[in-house]
Amino acid sequence: GPEKTKRRREIENLVINDPGFQHEDLNFLSRSERYDA
């Protein structure tokens, strides 16, 4: 339903625009660094 689409996108925006979820590409980290992140 459209309301669920709207709410899903609102929640996705909360995450994507949150600096706390930004990080460098995991492909370039060691396993220990990936676990830590």
Full PDB file with SEQRES, HELIX, SHEET, SSBOND, CRYST1, ORIGX, SCALE, CONECT and MASTER records, all heavy atoms in Angstrom:
SEQRES   1 A   37  GLY PRO GLU LYS THR LYS ARG ARG ARG GLU ILE GLU ASN          
SEQRES   2 A   37  LEU VAL ILE ASN ASP PRO GLY PHE GLN HIS GLU ASP LEU          
SEQRES   3 A   37  ASN PHE LEU SER ARG SER GLU ARG TYR ASP ALA                  
HELIX    1 AA1 PRO A    2  ILE A   16  1                                  15    
HELIX    2 AA2 PRO A   19  PHE A   21  5                                   3    
HELIX    3 AA3 LEU A   26  PHE A   28  5                                   3    
HELIX    4 AA4 ARG A   31  ASP A   36  1                                   6    
CRYST1    1.000    1.000    1.000  90.00  90.00  90.00 P 1           1          
ORIGX1      1.000000  0.000000  0.000000        0.00000                         
ORIGX2      0.000000  1.000000  0.000000        0.00000                         
ORIGX3      0.000000  0.000000  1.000000        0.00000                         
SCALE1      1.000000  0.000000  0.000000        0.00000                         
SCALE2      0.000000  1.000000  0.000000        0.00000                         
SCALE3      0.000000  0.000000  1.000000        0.00000                         
ATOM      1  N   GLY A   1       0.819  -1.211   0.000  1.00  0.00           N  
ATOM      2  CA  GLY A   1       0.000   0.000   0.000  1.00  0.00           C  
ATOM      3  C   GLY A   1       0.846   1.251   0.000  1.00  0.00           C  
ATOM      4  O   GLY A   1       2.002   1.243   0.438  1.00  0.00           O  
ATOM      5  N   PRO A   2       0.283   2.384  -0.494  1.00  0.00           N  
ATOM      6  CA  PRO A   2       1.054   3.635  -0.584  1.00  0.00           C  
ATOM      7  C   PRO A   2       1.520   4.169   0.758  1.00  0.00           C  
ATOM      8  O   PRO A   2       2.597   4.758   0.855  1.00  0.00           O  
ATOM      9  CB  PRO A   2       0.080   4.609  -1.273  1.00  0.00           C  
ATOM     10  CG  PRO A   2      -1.273   3.978  -1.159  1.00  0.00           C  
ATOM     11  CD  PRO A   2      -1.059   2.511  -1.086  1.00  0.00           C  
ATOM     12  N   GLU A   3       0.731   3.951   1.806  1.00  0.00           N  
ATOM     13  CA  GLU A   3       1.137   4.437   3.126  1.00  0.00           C  
ATOM     14  C   GLU A   3       2.382   3.705   3.625  1.00  0.00           C  
ATOM     15  O   GLU A   3       3.269   4.312   4.238  1.00  0.00           O  
ATOM     16  CB  GLU A   3      -0.016   4.288   4.124  1.00  0.00           C  
ATOM     17  CG  GLU A   3      -1.151   5.262   3.903  1.00  0.00           C  
ATOM     18  CD  GLU A   3      -0.677   6.718   3.940  1.00  0.00           C  
ATOM     19  OE1 GLU A   3       0.084   7.069   4.867  1.00  0.00           O  
ATOM     20  OE2 GLU A   3      -1.057   7.490   3.035  1.00  0.00           O  
ATOM     21  N   LYS A   4       2.449   2.404   3.336  1.00  0.00           N  
ATOM     22  CA  LYS A   4       3.630   1.644   3.753  1.00  0.00           C  
ATOM     23  C   LYS A   4       4.856   2.066   2.948  1.00  0.00           C  
ATOM     24  O   LYS A   4       5.974   2.116   3.483  1.00  0.00           O  
ATOM     25  CB  LYS A   4       3.367   0.148   3.607  1.00  0.00           C  
ATOM     26  CG  LYS A   4       2.412  -0.394   4.664  1.00  0.00           C  
ATOM     27  CD  LYS A   4       2.401  -1.904   4.701  1.00  0.00           C  
ATOM     28  CE  LYS A   4       1.522  -2.404   5.847  1.00  0.00           C  
ATOM     29  NZ  LYS A   4       1.500  -3.879   5.951  1.00  0.00           N  
ATOM     30  N   THR A   5       4.654   2.366   1.660  1.00  0.00           N  
ATOM     31  CA  THR A   5       5.776   2.863   0.855  1.00  0.00           C  
ATOM     32  C   THR A   5       6.281   4.184   1.418  1.00  0.00           C  
ATOM     33  O   THR A   5       7.499   4.388   1.572  1.00  0.00           O  
ATOM     34  CB  THR A   5       5.343   3.057  -0.608  1.00  0.00           C  
ATOM     35  OG1 THR A   5       4.944   1.803  -1.160  1.00  0.00           O  
ATOM     36  CG2 THR A   5       6.487   3.626  -1.445  1.00  0.00           C  
ATOM     37  N   LYS A   6       5.353   5.067   1.734  1.00  0.00           N  
ATOM     38  CA  LYS A   6       5.723   6.374   2.281  1.00  0.00           C  
ATOM     39  C   LYS A   6       6.494   6.225   3.584  1.00  0.00           C  
ATOM     40  O   LYS A   6       7.549   6.855   3.776  1.00  0.00           O  
ATOM     41  CB  LYS A   6       4.461   7.214   2.504  1.00  0.00           C  
ATOM     42  CG  LYS A   6       4.731   8.596   3.080  1.00  0.00           C  
ATOM     43  CD  LYS A   6       3.433   9.348   3.341  1.00  0.00           C  
ATOM     44  CE  LYS A   6       3.704  10.703   3.983  1.00  0.00           C  
ATOM     45  NZ  LYS A   6       2.432  11.413   4.323  1.00  0.00           N  
ATOM     46  N   ARG A   7       5.996   5.367   4.473  1.00  0.00           N  
ATOM     47  CA  ARG A   7       6.653   5.205   5.767  1.00  0.00           C  
ATOM     48  C   ARG A   7       8.017   4.540   5.609  1.00  0.00           C  
ATOM     49  O   ARG A   7       8.980   4.923   6.281  1.00  0.00           O  
ATOM     50  CB  ARG A   7       5.755   4.370   6.690  1.00  0.00           C  
ATOM     51  CG  ARG A   7       6.326   4.163   8.082  1.00  0.00           C  
ATOM     52  CD  ARG A   7       6.625   5.475   8.783  1.00  0.00           C  
ATOM     53  NE  ARG A   7       7.101   5.268  10.138  1.00  0.00           N  
ATOM     54  CZ  ARG A   7       7.841   6.134  10.820  1.00  0.00           C  
ATOM     55  NH1 ARG A   7       8.188   7.285  10.249  1.00  0.00           N  
ATOM     56  NH2 ARG A   7       8.224   5.879  12.053  1.00  0.00           N  
ATOM     57  N   ARG A   8       8.098   3.547   4.717  1.00  0.00           N  
ATOM     58  CA  ARG A   8       9.399   2.897   4.476  1.00  0.00           C  
ATOM     59  C   ARG A   8      10.422   3.913   4.011  1.00  0.00           C  
ATOM     60  O   ARG A   8      11.574   3.929   4.495  1.00  0.00           O  
ATOM     61  CB  ARG A   8       9.252   1.784   3.432  1.00  0.00           C  
ATOM     62  CG  ARG A   8      10.590   1.185   2.993  1.00  0.00           C  
ATOM     63  CD  ARG A   8      10.433   0.061   1.993  1.00  0.00           C  
ATOM     64  NE  ARG A   8       9.729   0.440   0.792  1.00  0.00           N  
ATOM     65  CZ  ARG A   8      10.261   1.150  -0.212  1.00  0.00           C  
ATOM     66  NH1 ARG A   8      11.514   1.566  -0.143  1.00  0.00           N  
ATOM     67  NH2 ARG A   8       9.559   1.447  -1.280  1.00  0.00           N  
ATOM     68  N   ARG A   9      10.041   4.778   3.097  1.00  0.00           N  
ATOM     69  CA  ARG A   9      10.977   5.776   2.581  1.00  0.00           C  
ATOM     70  C   ARG A   9      11.362   6.791   3.651  1.00  0.00           C  
ATOM     71  O   ARG A   9      12.512   7.251   3.697  1.00  0.00           O  
ATOM     72  CB  ARG A   9      10.360   6.483   1.364  1.00  0.00           C  
ATOM     73  CG  ARG A   9      10.291   5.588   0.124  1.00  0.00           C  
ATOM     74  CD  ARG A   9       9.519   6.253  -0.995  1.00  0.00           C  
ATOM     75  NE  ARG A   9       9.537   5.437  -2.209  1.00  0.00           N  
ATOM     76  CZ  ARG A   9       8.772   5.666  -3.260  1.00  0.00           C  
ATOM     77  NH1 ARG A   9       7.906   6.676  -3.256  1.00  0.00           N  
ATOM     78  NH2 ARG A   9       8.850   4.885  -4.321  1.00  0.00           N  
ATOM     79  N   GLU A  10      10.421   7.145   4.502  1.00  0.00           N  
ATOM     80  CA  GLU A  10      10.740   8.058   5.608  1.00  0.00           C  
ATOM     81  C   GLU A  10      11.813   7.445   6.507  1.00  0.00           C  
ATOM     82  O   GLU A  10      12.772   8.123   6.913  1.00  0.00           O  
ATOM     83  CB  GLU A  10       9.480   8.352   6.434  1.00  0.00           C  
ATOM     84  CG  GLU A  10       8.470   9.250   5.747  1.00  0.00           C  
ATOM     85  CD  GLU A  10       7.182   9.382   6.548  1.00  0.00           C  
ATOM     86  OE1 GLU A  10       7.032   8.656   7.574  1.00  0.00           O  
ATOM     87  OE2 GLU A  10       6.320  10.185   6.160  1.00  0.00           O  
ATOM     88  N   ILE A  11      11.653   6.161   6.817  1.00  0.00           N  
ATOM     89  CA  ILE A  11      12.611   5.474   7.686  1.00  0.00           C  
ATOM     90  C   ILE A  11      13.961   5.339   6.987  1.00  0.00           C  
ATOM     91  O   ILE A  11      15.020   5.536   7.605  1.00  0.00           O  
ATOM     92  CB  ILE A  11      12.049   4.108   8.106  1.00  0.00           C  
ATOM     93  CG1 ILE A  11      10.844   4.314   9.037  1.00  0.00           C  
ATOM     94  CG2 ILE A  11      13.113   3.259   8.798  1.00  0.00           C  
ATOM     95  CD1 ILE A  11      10.070   3.046   9.353  1.00  0.00           C  
ATOM     96  N   GLU A  12      13.936   5.008   5.704  1.00  0.00           N  
ATOM     97  CA  GLU A  12      15.192   4.916   4.957  1.00  0.00           C  
ATOM     98  C   GLU A  12      15.939   6.242   4.960  1.00  0.00           C  
ATOM     99  O   GLU A  12      17.172   6.276   5.116  1.00  0.00           O  
ATOM    100  CB  GLU A  12      14.907   4.473   3.518  1.00  0.00           C  
ATOM    101  CG  GLU A  12      14.512   3.013   3.400  1.00  0.00           C  
ATOM    102  CD  GLU A  12      14.079   2.616   1.999  1.00  0.00           C  
ATOM    103  OE1 GLU A  12      13.996   3.508   1.123  1.00  0.00           O  
ATOM    104  OE2 GLU A  12      13.823   1.428   1.767  1.00  0.00           O  
ATOM    105  N   ASN A  13      15.205   7.339   4.821  1.00  0.00           N  
ATOM    106  CA  ASN A  13      15.847   8.664   4.841  1.00  0.00           C  
ATOM    107  C   ASN A  13      16.483   8.956   6.192  1.00  0.00           C  
ATOM    108  O   ASN A  13      17.553   9.584   6.265  1.00  0.00           O  
ATOM    109  CB  ASN A  13      14.823   9.752   4.492  1.00  0.00           C  
ATOM    110  CG  ASN A  13      14.547   9.840   3.002  1.00  0.00           C  
ATOM    111  OD1 ASN A  13      15.424   9.572   2.192  1.00  0.00           O  
ATOM    112  ND2 ASN A  13      13.329  10.204   2.638  1.00  0.00           N  
ATOM    113  N   LEU A  14      15.823   8.525   7.270  1.00  0.00           N  
ATOM    114  CA  LEU A  14      16.402   8.724   8.599  1.00  0.00           C  
ATOM    115  C   LEU A  14      17.788   8.092   8.684  1.00  0.00           C  
ATOM    116  O   LEU A  14      18.717   8.656   9.271  1.00  0.00           O  
ATOM    117  CB  LEU A  14      15.493   8.114   9.671  1.00  0.00           C  
ATOM    118  CG  LEU A  14      14.182   8.828  10.002  1.00  0.00           C  
ATOM    119  CD1 LEU A  14      13.389   8.010  11.009  1.00  0.00           C  
ATOM    120  CD2 LEU A  14      14.442  10.235  10.537  1.00  0.00           C  
ATOM    121  N   VAL A  15      17.913   6.899   8.114  1.00  0.00           N  
ATOM    122  CA  VAL A  15      19.184   6.173   8.177  1.00  0.00           C  
ATOM    123  C   VAL A  15      20.203   6.767   7.218  1.00  0.00           C  
ATOM    124  O   VAL A  15      21.352   7.043   7.598  1.00  0.00           O  
ATOM    125  CB  VAL A  15      18.965   4.681   7.852  1.00  0.00           C  
ATOM    126  CG1 VAL A  15      20.298   3.933   7.879  1.00  0.00           C  
ATOM    127  CG2 VAL A  15      18.000   4.056   8.840  1.00  0.00           C  
ATOM    128  N   ILE A  16      19.804   6.954   5.960  1.00  0.00           N  
ATOM    129  CA  ILE A  16      20.749   7.378   4.920  1.00  0.00           C  
ATOM    130  C   ILE A  16      21.314   8.768   5.197  1.00  0.00           C  
ATOM    131  O   ILE A  16      22.474   9.056   4.891  1.00  0.00           O  
ATOM    132  CB  ILE A  16      20.054   7.312   3.542  1.00  0.00           C  
ATOM    133  CG1 ILE A  16      19.841   5.834   3.155  1.00  0.00           C  
ATOM    134  CG2 ILE A  16      20.871   8.028   2.462  1.00  0.00           C  
ATOM    135  CD1 ILE A  16      18.934   5.628   1.972  1.00  0.00           C  
ATOM    136  N   ASN A  17      20.512   9.626   5.833  1.00  0.00           N  
ATOM    137  CA  ASN A  17      20.975  10.986   6.133  1.00  0.00           C  
ATOM    138  C   ASN A  17      21.641  11.106   7.500  1.00  0.00           C  
ATOM    139  O   ASN A  17      21.995  12.202   7.937  1.00  0.00           O  
ATOM    140  CB  ASN A  17      19.797  11.966   6.055  1.00  0.00           C  
ATOM    141  CG  ASN A  17      19.218  12.045   4.653  1.00  0.00           C  
ATOM    142  OD1 ASN A  17      19.947  11.955   3.666  1.00  0.00           O  
ATOM    143  ND2 ASN A  17      17.902  12.205   4.553  1.00  0.00           N  
ATOM    144  N   ASP A  18      21.821   9.975   8.185  1.00  0.00           N  
ATOM    145  CA  ASP A  18      22.417   9.971   9.528  1.00  0.00           C  
ATOM    146  C   ASP A  18      23.932   9.805   9.401  1.00  0.00           C  
ATOM    147  O   ASP A  18      24.409   8.780   8.908  1.00  0.00           O  
ATOM    148  CB  ASP A  18      21.824   8.819  10.332  1.00  0.00           C  
ATOM    149  CG  ASP A  18      22.236   8.842  11.799  1.00  0.00           C  
ATOM    150  OD1 ASP A  18      23.318   9.385  12.109  1.00  0.00           O  
ATOM    151  OD2 ASP A  18      21.487   8.307  12.636  1.00  0.00           O  
ATOM    152  N   PRO A  19      24.719  10.786   9.856  1.00  0.00           N  
ATOM    153  CA  PRO A  19      26.188  10.668   9.773  1.00  0.00           C  
ATOM    154  C   PRO A  19      26.730   9.436  10.505  1.00  0.00           C  
ATOM    155  O   PRO A  19      27.799   8.929  10.162  1.00  0.00           O  
ATOM    156  CB  PRO A  19      26.690  11.960  10.436  1.00  0.00           C  
ATOM    157  CG  PRO A  19      25.534  12.907  10.355  1.00  0.00           C  
ATOM    158  CD  PRO A  19      24.304  12.066  10.441  1.00  0.00           C  
ATOM    159  N   GLY A  20      25.991   8.944  11.493  1.00  0.00           N  
ATOM    160  CA  GLY A  20      26.443   7.782  12.248  1.00  0.00           C  
ATOM    161  C   GLY A  20      26.509   6.512  11.429  1.00  0.00           C  
ATOM    162  O   GLY A  20      27.145   5.542  11.841  1.00  0.00           O  
ATOM    163  N   PHE A  21      25.858   6.504  10.276  1.00  0.00           N  
ATOM    164  CA  PHE A  21      25.872   5.314   9.422  1.00  0.00           C  
ATOM    165  C   PHE A  21      26.765   5.487   8.190  1.00  0.00           C  
ATOM    166  O   PHE A  21      26.745   4.662   7.292  1.00  0.00           O  
ATOM    167  CB  PHE A  21      24.452   4.945   8.989  1.00  0.00           C  
ATOM    168  CG  PHE A  21      23.605   4.425  10.108  1.00  0.00           C  
ATOM    169  CD1 PHE A  21      22.555   5.176  10.611  1.00  0.00           C  
ATOM    170  CD2 PHE A  21      23.876   3.196  10.686  1.00  0.00           C  
ATOM    171  CE1 PHE A  21      21.775   4.707  11.657  1.00  0.00           C  
ATOM    172  CE2 PHE A  21      23.106   2.713  11.735  1.00  0.00           C  
ATOM    173  CZ  PHE A  21      22.055   3.473  12.223  1.00  0.00           C  
ATOM    174  N   GLN A  22      27.536   6.560   8.160  1.00  0.00           N  
ATOM    175  CA  GLN A  22      28.470   6.751   7.054  1.00  0.00           C  
ATOM    176  C   GLN A  22      29.808   6.106   7.425  1.00  0.00           C  
ATOM    177  O   GLN A  22      30.227   6.137   8.570  1.00  0.00           O  
ATOM    178  CB  GLN A  22      28.687   8.248   6.771  1.00  0.00           C  
ATOM    179  CG  GLN A  22      27.391   9.037   6.595  1.00  0.00           C  
ATOM    180  CD  GLN A  22      26.475   8.442   5.537  1.00  0.00           C  
ATOM    181  OE1 GLN A  22      26.941   8.108   4.449  1.00  0.00           O  
ATOM    182  NE2 GLN A  22      25.201   8.318   5.856  1.00  0.00           N  
ATOM    183  N   HIS A  23      30.473   5.529   6.432  1.00  0.00           N  
ATOM    184  CA  HIS A  23      31.764   4.906   6.702  1.00  0.00           C  
ATOM    185  C   HIS A  23      32.496   4.665   5.399  1.00  0.00           C  
ATOM    186  O   HIS A  23      31.924   4.757   4.309  1.00  0.00           O  
ATOM    187  CB  HIS A  23      31.596   3.577   7.437  1.00  0.00           C  
ATOM    188  CG  HIS A  23      30.788   2.570   6.662  1.00  0.00           C  
ATOM    189  ND1 HIS A  23      31.294   1.871   5.592  1.00  0.00           N  
ATOM    190  CD2 HIS A  23      29.510   2.156   6.805  1.00  0.00           C  
ATOM    191  CE1 HIS A  23      30.359   1.076   5.108  1.00  0.00           C  
ATOM    192  NE2 HIS A  23      29.277   1.229   5.821  1.00  0.00           N  
ATOM    193  N   GLU A  24      33.774   4.369   5.530  1.00  0.00           N  
ATOM    194  CA  GLU A  24      34.518   4.033   4.327  1.00  0.00           C  
ATOM    195  C   GLU A  24      34.116   2.652   3.836  1.00  0.00           C  
ATOM    196  O   GLU A  24      33.529   1.858   4.559  1.00  0.00           O  
ATOM    197  CB  GLU A  24      36.019   4.088   4.593  1.00  0.00           C  
ATOM    198  CG  GLU A  24      36.519   3.129   5.666  1.00  0.00           C  
ATOM    199  CD  GLU A  24      38.008   3.288   5.930  1.00  0.00           C  
ATOM    200  OE1 GLU A  24      38.786   3.066   4.991  1.00  0.00           O  
ATOM    201  OE2 GLU A  24      38.372   3.631   7.065  1.00  0.00           O  
ATOM    202  N   ASP A  25      34.417   2.379   2.578  1.00  0.00           N  
ATOM    203  CA  ASP A  25      34.039   1.119   1.941  1.00  0.00           C  
ATOM    204  C   ASP A  25      34.606  -0.064   2.721  1.00  0.00           C  
ATOM    205  O   ASP A  25      35.811  -0.170   2.947  1.00  0.00           O  
ATOM    206  CB  ASP A  25      34.566   1.108   0.506  1.00  0.00           C  
ATOM    207  CG  ASP A  25      33.907   0.032  -0.338  1.00  0.00           C  
ATOM    208  OD1 ASP A  25      33.802  -1.104   0.146  1.00  0.00           O  
ATOM    209  OD2 ASP A  25      33.510   0.341  -1.472  1.00  0.00           O  
ATOM    210  N   LEU A  26      33.706  -0.980   3.140  1.00  0.00           N  
ATOM    211  CA  LEU A  26      34.144  -2.136   3.918  1.00  0.00           C  
ATOM    212  C   LEU A  26      35.099  -3.033   3.144  1.00  0.00           C  
ATOM    213  O   LEU A  26      35.874  -3.787   3.742  1.00  0.00           O  
ATOM    214  CB  LEU A  26      32.932  -2.958   4.367  1.00  0.00           C  
ATOM    215  CG  LEU A  26      32.009  -2.325   5.414  1.00  0.00           C  
ATOM    216  CD1 LEU A  26      30.848  -3.260   5.719  1.00  0.00           C  
ATOM    217  CD2 LEU A  26      32.762  -2.004   6.693  1.00  0.00           C  
ATOM    218  N   ASN A  27      35.029  -2.972   1.809  1.00  0.00           N  
ATOM    219  CA  ASN A  27      35.907  -3.816   1.000  1.00  0.00           C  
ATOM    220  C   ASN A  27      37.383  -3.520   1.246  1.00  0.00           C  
ATOM    221  O   ASN A  27      38.240  -4.355   0.950  1.00  0.00           O  
ATOM    222  CB  ASN A  27      35.592  -3.625  -0.484  1.00  0.00           C  
ATOM    223  CG  ASN A  27      34.260  -4.242  -0.870  1.00  0.00           C  
ATOM    224  OD1 ASN A  27      34.033  -5.420  -0.658  1.00  0.00           O  
ATOM    225  ND2 ASN A  27      33.371  -3.436  -1.409  1.00  0.00           N  
ATOM    226  N   PHE A  28      37.668  -2.333   1.762  1.00  0.00           N  
ATOM    227  CA  PHE A  28      39.060  -1.932   1.953  1.00  0.00           C  
ATOM    228  C   PHE A  28      39.492  -2.011   3.421  1.00  0.00           C  
ATOM    229  O   PHE A  28      40.515  -1.451   3.810  1.00  0.00           O  
ATOM    230  CB  PHE A  28      39.276  -0.512   1.424  1.00  0.00           C  
ATOM    231  CG  PHE A  28      38.919  -0.358  -0.041  1.00  0.00           C  
ATOM    232  CD1 PHE A  28      38.149   0.702  -0.478  1.00  0.00           C  
ATOM    233  CD2 PHE A  28      39.350  -1.294  -0.973  1.00  0.00           C  
ATOM    234  CE1 PHE A  28      37.818   0.834  -1.822  1.00  0.00           C  
ATOM    235  CE2 PHE A  28      39.029  -1.163  -2.306  1.00  0.00           C  
ATOM    236  CZ  PHE A  28      38.264  -0.103  -2.742  1.00  0.00           C  
ATOM    237  N   LEU A  29      38.694  -2.715   4.259  1.00  0.00           N  
ATOM    238  CA  LEU A  29      39.021  -2.869   5.677  1.00  0.00           C  
ATOM    239  C   LEU A  29      39.408  -4.312   5.971  1.00  0.00           C  
ATOM    240  O   LEU A  29      38.990  -5.249   5.284  1.00  0.00           O  
ATOM    241  CB  LEU A  29      37.818  -2.485   6.546  1.00  0.00           C  
ATOM    242  CG  LEU A  29      37.258  -1.072   6.414  1.00  0.00           C  
ATOM    243  CD1 LEU A  29      36.095  -0.884   7.382  1.00  0.00           C  
ATOM    244  CD2 LEU A  29      38.331  -0.021   6.667  1.00  0.00           C  
ATOM    245  N   SER A  30      40.194  -4.500   7.041  1.00  0.00           N  
ATOM    246  CA  SER A  30      40.510  -5.849   7.510  1.00  0.00           C  
ATOM    247  C   SER A  30      39.280  -6.440   8.184  1.00  0.00           C  
ATOM    248  O   SER A  30      38.311  -5.735   8.490  1.00  0.00           O  
ATOM    249  CB  SER A  30      41.661  -5.804   8.518  1.00  0.00           C  
ATOM    250  OG  SER A  30      41.235  -5.172   9.721  1.00  0.00           O  
ATOM    251  N   ARG A  31      39.312  -7.756   8.486  1.00  0.00           N  
ATOM    252  CA  ARG A  31      38.158  -8.387   9.122  1.00  0.00           C  
ATOM    253  C   ARG A  31      37.892  -7.795  10.507  1.00  0.00           C  
ATOM    254  O   ARG A  31      36.739  -7.529  10.884  1.00  0.00           O  
ATOM    255  CB  ARG A  31      38.378  -9.898   9.241  1.00  0.00           C  
ATOM    256  CG  ARG A  31      37.177 -10.564   9.884  1.00  0.00           C  
ATOM    257  CD  ARG A  31      37.143 -12.062   9.781  1.00  0.00           C  
ATOM    258  NE  ARG A  31      35.938 -12.505  10.477  1.00  0.00           N  
ATOM    259  CZ  ARG A  31      35.930 -13.228  11.583  1.00  0.00           C  
ATOM    260  NH1 ARG A  31      37.066 -13.659  12.107  1.00  0.00           N  
ATOM    261  NH2 ARG A  31      34.799 -13.561  12.174  1.00  0.00           N  
ATOM    262  N   SER A  32      38.947  -7.561  11.263  1.00  0.00           N  
ATOM    263  CA  SER A  32      38.781  -6.986  12.589  1.00  0.00           C  
ATOM    264  C   SER A  32      38.171  -5.590  12.500  1.00  0.00           C  
ATOM    265  O   SER A  32      37.290  -5.228  13.292  1.00  0.00           O  
ATOM    266  CB  SER A  32      40.125  -6.931  13.321  1.00  0.00           C  
ATOM    267  OG  SER A  32      39.975  -6.385  14.612  1.00  0.00           O  
ATOM    268  N   GLU A  33      38.598  -4.815  11.514  1.00  0.00           N  
ATOM    269  CA  GLU A  33      38.049  -3.473  11.327  1.00  0.00           C  
ATOM    270  C   GLU A  33      36.591  -3.535  10.899  1.00  0.00           C  
ATOM    271  O   GLU A  33      35.772  -2.707  11.312  1.00  0.00           O  
ATOM    272  CB  GLU A  33      38.874  -2.712  10.289  1.00  0.00           C  
ATOM    273  CG  GLU A  33      40.266  -2.319  10.761  1.00  0.00           C  
ATOM    274  CD  GLU A  33      41.146  -1.792   9.637  1.00  0.00           C  
ATOM    275  OE1 GLU A  33      40.934  -2.201   8.463  1.00  0.00           O  
ATOM    276  OE2 GLU A  33      42.050  -0.984   9.929  1.00  0.00           O  
ATOM    277  N   ARG A  34      36.255  -4.533  10.076  1.00  0.00           N  
ATOM    278  CA  ARG A  34      34.871  -4.679   9.636  1.00  0.00           C  
ATOM    279  C   ARG A  34      33.972  -5.051  10.815  1.00  0.00           C  
ATOM    280  O   ARG A  34      32.844  -4.540  10.940  1.00  0.00           O  
ATOM    281  CB  ARG A  34      34.774  -5.731   8.525  1.00  0.00           C  
ATOM    282  CG  ARG A  34      35.396  -5.286   7.220  1.00  0.00           C  
ATOM    283  CD  ARG A  34      35.426  -6.383   6.177  1.00  0.00           C  
ATOM    284  NE  ARG A  34      34.117  -6.613   5.595  1.00  0.00           N  
ATOM    285  CZ  ARG A  34      33.900  -6.877   4.305  1.00  0.00           C  
ATOM    286  NH1 ARG A  34      34.917  -6.938   3.463  1.00  0.00           N  
ATOM    287  NH2 ARG A  34      32.682  -7.086   3.859  1.00  0.00           N  
ATOM    288  N   TYR A  35      34.457  -5.944  11.675  1.00  0.00           N  
ATOM    289  CA  TYR A  35      33.681  -6.318  12.860  1.00  0.00           C  
ATOM    290  C   TYR A  35      33.472  -5.106  13.757  1.00  0.00           C  
ATOM    291  O   TYR A  35      32.355  -4.839  14.233  1.00  0.00           O  
ATOM    292  CB  TYR A  35      34.389  -7.438  13.627  1.00  0.00           C  
ATOM    293  CG  TYR A  35      33.793  -7.709  14.990  1.00  0.00           C  
ATOM    294  CD1 TYR A  35      32.556  -8.336  15.117  1.00  0.00           C  
ATOM    295  CD2 TYR A  35      34.455  -7.309  16.156  1.00  0.00           C  
ATOM    296  CE1 TYR A  35      31.995  -8.576  16.364  1.00  0.00           C  
ATOM    297  CE2 TYR A  35      33.908  -7.540  17.407  1.00  0.00           C  
ATOM    298  CZ  TYR A  35      32.674  -8.169  17.502  1.00  0.00           C  
ATOM    299  OH  TYR A  35      32.120  -8.390  18.737  1.00  0.00           O  
ATOM    300  N   ASP A  36      34.523  -4.337  13.964  1.00  0.00           N  
ATOM    301  CA  ASP A  36      34.449  -3.140  14.810  1.00  0.00           C  
ATOM    302  C   ASP A  36      33.430  -2.149  14.262  1.00  0.00           C  
ATOM    303  O   ASP A  36      32.597  -1.600  15.000  1.00  0.00           O  
ATOM    304  CB  ASP A  36      35.832  -2.496  14.906  1.00  0.00           C  
ATOM    305  CG  ASP A  36      35.848  -1.318  15.859  1.00  0.00           C  
ATOM    306  OD1 ASP A  36      36.027  -1.522  17.069  1.00  0.00           O  
ATOM    307  OD2 ASP A  36      35.669  -0.171  15.382  1.00  0.00           O  
ATOM    308  N   ALA A  37      33.486  -1.905  12.935  1.00  0.00           N  
ATOM    309  CA  ALA A  37      32.562  -0.965  12.304  1.00  0.00           C  
ATOM    310  C   ALA A  37      31.123  -1.452  12.421  1.00  0.00           C  
ATOM    311  O   ALA A  37      30.195  -0.662  12.639  1.00  0.00           O  
ATOM    312  CB  ALA A  37      32.940  -0.773  10.834  1.00  0.00           C  
TER     313      ALA A  37                                                      
MASTER        0    0    0    4    0    0    0    6  312    1    0    3          
END                                                                             
